[in-house]
Amino acid sequence: MARRIAADPTGTWRRLLTDPATGQLLEYGRKTYRPPQNLTDHVIARDRTCIFPHCRRPARHCDLDHREDWCTGGHTCEHNLHPLCERHHYAKQNAGWTVQRTHDGAYHWTDPTNHHYVVHPPDDS
């Protein structure tokens, strides 16, 4: 049965990356721009607010932004998505702000004048 499915020329194969411990789908790759609801819920719960420095707008009222733009090769995955309110999404896309995320979950922002800001992940305590 598996060979027949694999040999079907009308079938579509997609790579889906899951967390081996939880089974949570972590990456949808380049097949979809808009994150599915389970990934949206995960990013909102992880970050809780807009991740721009000093902004506290709840993540549920923000856009989910691809840190590396989807149109230039960025993937739809938890490590490339973060919530930005409309104002700060505009600042990142059009006003020269850049952001990097480190392995510890902190966001490192650089403004157009090369000043740096760090936004730490929410404290779970």
Foldseek 3Di string as FASTA:
>chain_A
DVVVQVPPPVDDDFDWDADPVPRHTFFRFLPDDDDDPSLLVVQQVFAQAAQPPPGRHGQVQFDWAFLPHSVVGTTPGSLRTHGHHPVVVCCPVPVAKHWDADPQGKIWIAHNVGDIDIGHIDDPD
